[in-house]
Amino acid sequence: MYEALILVCSLMPNAEPPCVEMQDIRGPYTTVEECDARIEEMLPEIPKMFIPPYTVAKKCDKKVGI
């Protein structure tokens, strides 16, 4: 099972909080392809929630025991 995670970090000095982790509430997903597709759905929401400049990291985290 895979969990979709996105980390958004501000590039502005002294930003509070400097980084925010966005977690998907739909998953987990059985394949990494499904997880990647969900991340692509989530990405367009970032500019609506954060003021540039920022950087984005994304990954499908493999969960053991789910």
PDB file of N, CA and C in Angstrom:
ATOM      1  N   MET A   1       0.850  -1.178   0.000  1.00  0.00           N
ATOM      2  CA  MET A   1       0.000   0.000   0.000  1.00  0.00           C
ATOM      3  C   MET A   1       0.900   1.248   0.000  1.00  0.00           C
ATOM      4  N   TYR A   2       0.408   2.287  -0.663  1.00  0.00           N
ATOM      5  CA  TYR A   2       1.172   3.523  -0.802  1.00  0.00           C
ATOM      6  C   TYR A   2       0.342   4.714  -0.341  1.00  0.00           C
ATOM      7  N   GLU A   3       1.016   5.651   0.319  1.00  0.00           N
ATOM      8  CA  GLU A   3       0.377   6.863   0.817  1.00  0.00           C
ATOM      9  C   GLU A   3       0.957   8.063   0.071  1.00  0.00           C
ATOM     10  N   ALA A   4       0.084   8.932  -0.451  1.00  0.00           N
ATOM     11  CA  ALA A   4       0.508  10.124  -1.184  1.00  0.00           C
ATOM     12  C   ALA A   4       0.871  11.232  -0.202  1.00  0.00           C
ATOM     13  N   LEU A   5       2.096  11.758  -0.346  1.00  0.00           N
ATOM     14  CA  LEU A   5       2.571  12.830   0.526  1.00  0.00           C
ATOM     15  C   LEU A   5       3.154  13.960  -0.316  1.00  0.00           C
ATOM     16  N   ILE A   6       2.868  15.189   0.095  1.00  0.00           N
ATOM     17  CA  ILE A   6       3.440  16.371  -0.547  1.00  0.00           C
ATOM     18  C   ILE A   6       3.979  17.270   0.561  1.00  0.00           C
ATOM     19  N   LEU A   7       5.201  17.759   0.376  1.00  0.00           N
ATOM     20  CA  LEU A   7       5.818  18.682   1.322  1.00  0.00           C
ATOM     21  C   LEU A   7       6.009  20.014   0.603  1.00  0.00           C
ATOM     22  N   VAL A   8       5.434  21.073   1.157  1.00  0.00           N
ATOM     23  CA  VAL A   8       5.548  22.407   0.582  1.00  0.00           C
ATOM     24  C   VAL A   8       6.365  23.253   1.553  1.00  0.00           C
ATOM     25  N   CYS A   9       7.476  23.824   1.060  1.00  0.00           N
ATOM     26  CA  CYS A   9       8.349  24.640   1.908  1.00  0.00           C
ATOM     27  C   CYS A   9       8.470  26.044   1.324  1.00  0.00           C
ATOM     28  N   SER A  10       8.258  27.023   2.172  1.00  0.00           N
ATOM     29  CA  SER A  10       8.393  28.416   1.764  1.00  0.00           C
ATOM     30  C   SER A  10       9.866  28.738   1.537  1.00  0.00           C
ATOM     31  N   LEU A  11      10.131  29.578   0.536  1.00  0.00           N
ATOM     32  CA  LEU A  11      11.490  30.041   0.286  1.00  0.00           C
ATOM     33  C   LEU A  11      11.719  31.432   0.862  1.00  0.00           C
ATOM     34  N   MET A  12      10.726  31.938   1.597  1.00  0.00           N
ATOM     35  CA  MET A  12      10.855  33.237   2.243  1.00  0.00           C
ATOM     36  C   MET A  12      11.575  33.068   3.572  1.00  0.00           C
ATOM     37  N   PRO A  13      12.497  33.967   3.891  1.00  0.00           N
ATOM     38  CA  PRO A  13      13.177  33.860   5.181  1.00  0.00           C
ATOM     39  C   PRO A  13      12.183  34.063   6.335  1.00  0.00           C
ATOM     40  N   ASN A  14      12.376  33.321   7.386  1.00  0.00           N
ATOM     41  CA  ASN A  14      11.568  33.417   8.611  1.00  0.00           C
ATOM     42  C   ASN A  14      10.100  33.057   8.411  1.00  0.00           C
ATOM     43  N   ALA A  15       9.783  32.263   7.417  1.00  0.00           N
ATOM     44  CA  ALA A  15       8.397  31.832   7.210  1.00  0.00           C
ATOM     45  C   ALA A  15       7.980  30.925   8.358  1.00  0.00           C
ATOM     46  N   GLU A  16       6.748  31.076   8.803  1.00  0.00           N
ATOM     47  CA  GLU A  16       6.216  30.249   9.885  1.00  0.00           C
ATOM     48  C   GLU A  16       4.905  29.628   9.460  1.00  0.00           C
ATOM     49  N   PRO A  17       4.779  28.362   9.416  1.00  0.00           N
ATOM     50  CA  PRO A  17       5.858  27.373   9.519  1.00  0.00           C
ATOM     51  C   PRO A  17       6.631  27.331   8.206  1.00  0.00           C
ATOM     52  N   PRO A  18       7.890  26.935   8.248  1.00  0.00           N
ATOM     53  CA  PRO A  18       8.681  26.923   7.007  1.00  0.00           C
ATOM     54  C   PRO A  18       8.208  25.852   6.019  1.00  0.00           C
ATOM     55  N   CYS A  19       7.722  24.738   6.539  1.00  0.00           N
ATOM     56  CA  CYS A  19       7.249  23.652   5.679  1.00  0.00           C
ATOM     57  C   CYS A  19       5.934  23.088   6.205  1.00  0.00           C
ATOM     58  N   VAL A  20       5.102  22.631   5.261  1.00  0.00           N
ATOM     59  CA  VAL A  20       3.822  22.025   5.609  1.00  0.00           C
ATOM     60  C   VAL A  20       3.716  20.706   4.850  1.00  0.00           C
ATOM     61  N   GLU A  21       3.377  19.640   5.564  1.00  0.00           N
ATOM     62  CA  GLU A  21       3.165  18.349   4.923  1.00  0.00           C
ATOM     63  C   GLU A  21       1.688  18.188   4.625  1.00  0.00           C
ATOM     64  N   MET A  22       1.391  17.915   3.352  1.00  0.00           N
ATOM     65  CA  MET A  22       0.011  17.674   2.944  1.00  0.00           C
ATOM     66  C   MET A  22      -0.175  16.171   2.816  1.00  0.00           C
ATOM     67  N   GLN A  23      -1.193  15.646   3.480  1.00  0.00           N
ATOM     68  CA  GLN A  23      -1.480  14.225   3.411  1.00  0.00           C
ATOM     69  C   GLN A  23      -2.816  14.013   2.716  1.00  0.00           C
ATOM     70  N   ASP A  24      -2.856  12.994   1.919  1.00  0.00           N
ATOM     71  CA  ASP A  24      -4.070  12.620   1.209  1.00  0.00           C
ATOM     72  C   ASP A  24      -5.033  11.934   2.170  1.00  0.00           C
ATOM     73  N   ILE A  25      -6.321  12.264   2.086  1.00  0.00           N
ATOM     74  CA  ILE A  25      -7.306  11.635   2.968  1.00  0.00           C
ATOM     75  C   ILE A  25      -8.065  10.505   2.265  1.00  0.00           C
ATOM     76  N   ARG A  26      -7.768  10.250   0.989  1.00  0.00           N
ATOM     77  CA  ARG A  26      -8.450   9.189   0.254  1.00  0.00           C
ATOM     78  C   ARG A  26      -7.743   7.837   0.342  1.00  0.00           C
ATOM     79  N   GLY A  27      -6.407   7.855   0.389  1.00  0.00           N
ATOM     80  CA  GLY A  27      -5.623   6.627   0.291  1.00  0.00           C
ATOM     81  C   GLY A  27      -5.724   5.764   1.517  1.00  0.00           C
ATOM     82  N   PRO A  28      -4.955   4.723   1.605  1.00  0.00           N
ATOM     83  CA  PRO A  28      -3.800   4.398   0.768  1.00  0.00           C
ATOM     84  C   PRO A  28      -4.199   3.720  -0.546  1.00  0.00           C
ATOM     85  N   TYR A  29      -3.202   3.596  -1.430  1.00  0.00           N
ATOM     86  CA  TYR A  29      -3.404   3.060  -2.768  1.00  0.00           C
ATOM     87  C   TYR A  29      -2.633   1.750  -2.924  1.00  0.00           C
ATOM     88  N   THR A  30      -3.171   0.867  -3.737  1.00  0.00           N
ATOM     89  CA  THR A  30      -2.543  -0.445  -3.882  1.00  0.00           C
ATOM     90  C   THR A  30      -1.327  -0.423  -4.789  1.00  0.00           C
ATOM     91  N   THR A  31      -1.259   0.527  -5.726  1.00  0.00           N
ATOM     92  CA  THR A  31      -0.098   0.600  -6.626  1.00  0.00           C
ATOM     93  C   THR A  31       0.525   1.994  -6.562  1.00  0.00           C
ATOM     94  N   VAL A  32       1.803   2.047  -6.904  1.00  0.00           N
ATOM     95  CA  VAL A  32       2.486   3.342  -6.933  1.00  0.00           C
ATOM     96  C   VAL A  32       1.916   4.219  -8.049  1.00  0.00           C
ATOM     97  N   GLU A  33       1.409   3.607  -9.124  1.00  0.00           N
ATOM     98  CA  GLU A  33       0.810   4.377 -10.222  1.00  0.00           C
ATOM     99  C   GLU A  33      -0.459   5.096  -9.759  1.00  0.00           C
ATOM    100  N   GLU A  34      -1.289   4.412  -8.963  1.00  0.00           N
ATOM    101  CA  GLU A  34      -2.482   5.055  -8.412  1.00  0.00           C
ATOM    102  C   GLU A  34      -2.098   6.199  -7.476  1.00  0.00           C
ATOM    103  N   CYS A  35      -1.080   5.975  -6.693  1.00  0.00           N
ATOM    104  CA  CYS A  35      -0.600   6.996  -5.758  1.00  0.00           C
ATOM    105  C   CYS A  35      -0.069   8.213  -6.524  1.00  0.00           C
ATOM    106  N   ASP A  36       0.738   7.975  -7.562  1.00  0.00           N
ATOM    107  CA  ASP A  36       1.264   9.076  -8.375  1.00  0.00           C
ATOM    108  C   ASP A  36       0.135   9.866  -9.029  1.00  0.00           C
ATOM    109  N   ALA A  37      -0.891   9.171  -9.496  1.00  0.00           N
ATOM    110  CA  ALA A  37      -2.037   9.848 -10.107  1.00  0.00           C
ATOM    111  C   ALA A  37      -2.732  10.746  -9.092  1.00  0.00           C
ATOM    112  N   ARG A  38      -2.848  10.291  -7.865  1.00  0.00           N
ATOM    113  CA  ARG A  38      -3.482  11.098  -6.820  1.00  0.00           C
ATOM    114  C   ARG A  38      -2.638  12.329  -6.514  1.00  0.00           C
ATOM    115  N   ILE A  39      -1.328  12.179  -6.474  1.00  0.00           N
ATOM    116  CA  ILE A  39      -0.459  13.344  -6.248  1.00  0.00           C
ATOM    117  C   ILE A  39      -0.675  14.374  -7.350  1.00  0.00           C
ATOM    118  N   GLU A  40      -0.777  13.927  -8.578  1.00  0.00           N
ATOM    119  CA  GLU A  40      -1.007  14.848  -9.697  1.00  0.00           C
ATOM    120  C   GLU A  40      -2.338  15.578  -9.544  1.00  0.00           C
ATOM    121  N   GLU A  41      -3.344  14.929  -8.960  1.00  0.00           N
ATOM    122  CA  GLU A  41      -4.626  15.592  -8.681  1.00  0.00           C
ATOM    123  C   GLU A  41      -4.477  16.653  -7.598  1.00  0.00           C
ATOM    124  N   MET A  42      -3.611  16.397  -6.632  1.00  0.00           N
ATOM    125  CA  MET A  42      -3.436  17.298  -5.494  1.00  0.00           C
ATOM    126  C   MET A  42      -2.604  18.536  -5.831  1.00  0.00           C
ATOM    127  N   LEU A  43      -1.652  18.414  -6.745  1.00  0.00           N
ATOM    128  CA  LEU A  43      -0.717  19.498  -7.036  1.00  0.00           C
ATOM    129  C   LEU A  43      -1.368  20.824  -7.438  1.00  0.00           C
ATOM    130  N   PRO A  44      -2.430  20.844  -8.257  1.00  0.00           N
ATOM    131  CA  PRO A  44      -3.031  22.126  -8.626  1.00  0.00           C
ATOM    132  C   PRO A  44      -3.634  22.908  -7.452  1.00  0.00           C
ATOM    133  N   GLU A  45      -3.846  22.264  -6.328  1.00  0.00           N
ATOM    134  CA  GLU A  45      -4.399  22.952  -5.165  1.00  0.00           C
ATOM    135  C   GLU A  45      -3.355  23.776  -4.419  1.00  0.00           C
ATOM    136  N   ILE A  46      -2.092  23.475  -4.608  1.00  0.00           N
ATOM    137  CA  ILE A  46      -1.029  24.138  -3.852  1.00  0.00           C
ATOM    138  C   ILE A  46      -1.013  25.649  -4.076  1.00  0.00           C
ATOM    139  N   PRO A  47      -1.061  26.153  -5.326  1.00  0.00           N
ATOM    140  CA  PRO A  47      -1.043  27.614  -5.510  1.00  0.00           C
ATOM    141  C   PRO A  47      -2.237  28.327  -4.880  1.00  0.00           C
ATOM    142  N   LYS A  48      -3.329  27.613  -4.630  1.00  0.00           N
ATOM    143  CA  LYS A  48      -4.494  28.208  -3.986  1.00  0.00           C
ATOM    144  C   LYS A  48      -4.279  28.381  -2.485  1.00  0.00           C
ATOM    145  N   MET A  49      -3.311  27.645  -1.926  1.00  0.00           N
ATOM    146  CA  MET A  49      -3.123  27.636  -0.478  1.00  0.00           C
ATOM    147  C   MET A  49      -1.826  28.285  -0.010  1.00  0.00           C
ATOM    148  N   PHE A  50      -0.855  28.481  -0.918  1.00  0.00           N
ATOM    149  CA  PHE A  50       0.451  28.983  -0.516  1.00  0.00           C
ATOM    150  C   PHE A  50       0.864  30.167  -1.378  1.00  0.00           C
ATOM    151  N   ILE A  51       1.553  31.111  -0.773  1.00  0.00           N
ATOM    152  CA  ILE A  51       2.044  32.295  -1.471  1.00  0.00           C
ATOM    153  C   ILE A  51       3.461  32.005  -1.961  1.00  0.00           C
ATOM    154  N   PRO A  52       3.736  32.215  -3.244  1.00  0.00           N
ATOM    155  CA  PRO A  52       5.097  31.996  -3.747  1.00  0.00           C
ATOM    156  C   PRO A  52       6.084  32.975  -3.102  1.00  0.00           C
ATOM    157  N   PRO A  53       7.326  32.649  -3.078  1.00  0.00           N
ATOM    158  CA  PRO A  53       7.967  31.469  -3.648  1.00  0.00           C
ATOM    159  C   PRO A  53       7.950  30.301  -2.660  1.00  0.00           C
ATOM    160  N   TYR A  54       7.829  29.112  -3.206  1.00  0.00           N
ATOM    161  CA  TYR A  54       7.870  27.895  -2.405  1.00  0.00           C
ATOM    162  C   TYR A  54       8.421  26.766  -3.271  1.00  0.00           C
ATOM    163  N   THR A  55       8.790  25.692  -2.628  1.00  0.00           N
ATOM    164  CA  THR A  55       9.255  24.502  -3.317  1.00  0.00           C
ATOM    165  C   THR A  55       8.376  23.329  -2.901  1.00  0.00           C
ATOM    166  N   VAL A  56       8.259  22.360  -3.785  1.00  0.00           N
ATOM    167  CA  VAL A  56       7.370  21.221  -3.542  1.00  0.00           C
ATOM    168  C   VAL A  56       8.155  19.918  -3.700  1.00  0.00           C
ATOM    169  N   ALA A  57       8.000  19.039  -2.731  1.00  0.00           N
ATOM    170  CA  ALA A  57       8.537  17.677  -2.821  1.00  0.00           C
ATOM    171  C   ALA A  57       7.358  16.730  -2.720  1.00  0.00           C
ATOM    172  N   LYS A  58       7.414  15.647  -3.474  1.00  0.00           N
ATOM    173  CA  LYS A  58       6.292  14.710  -3.465  1.00  0.00           C
ATOM    174  C   LYS A  58       6.840  13.293  -3.482  1.00  0.00           C
ATOM    175  N   LYS A  59       6.057  12.381  -2.864  1.00  0.00           N
ATOM    176  CA  LYS A  59       6.460  10.984  -2.898  1.00  0.00           C
ATOM    177  C   LYS A  59       5.283  10.095  -2.525  1.00  0.00           C
ATOM    178  N   CYS A  60       5.399   8.865  -2.971  1.00  0.00           N
ATOM    179  CA  CYS A  60       4.470   7.819  -2.563  1.00  0.00           C
ATOM    180  C   CYS A  60       5.207   6.962  -1.556  1.00  0.00           C
ATOM    181  N   ASP A  61       4.770   7.042  -0.324  1.00  0.00           N
ATOM    182  CA  ASP A  61       5.424   6.365   0.785  1.00  0.00           C
ATOM    183  C   ASP A  61       4.844   4.969   0.944  1.00  0.00           C
ATOM    184  N   LYS A  62       5.697   3.965   0.890  1.00  0.00           N
ATOM    185  CA  LYS A  62       5.235   2.579   1.044  1.00  0.00           C
ATOM    186  C   LYS A  62       4.949   2.318   2.520  1.00  0.00           C
ATOM    187  N   LYS A  63       3.745   1.876   2.783  1.00  0.00           N
ATOM    188  CA  LYS A  63       3.320   1.571   4.150  1.00  0.00           C
ATOM    189  C   LYS A  63       3.309   0.069   4.359  1.00  0.00           C
ATOM    190  N   VAL A  64       3.961  -0.375   5.397  1.00  0.00           N
ATOM    191  CA  VAL A  64       4.016  -1.797   5.722  1.00  0.00           C
ATOM    192  C   VAL A  64       2.940  -2.097   6.762  1.00  0.00           C
ATOM    193  N   GLY A  65       2.227  -3.179   6.569  1.00  0.00           N
ATOM    194  CA  GLY A  65       1.252  -3.598   7.544  1.00  0.00           C
ATOM    195  C   GLY A  65      -0.141  -3.012   7.355  1.00  0.00           C
ATOM    196  N   ILE A  66      -0.373  -2.329   6.240  1.00  0.00           N
ATOM    197  CA  ILE A  66      -1.703  -1.770   5.989  1.00  0.00           C
ATOM    198  C   ILE A  66      -2.476  -2.747   5.130  1.00  0.00           C
TER     199      ILE A  66
END
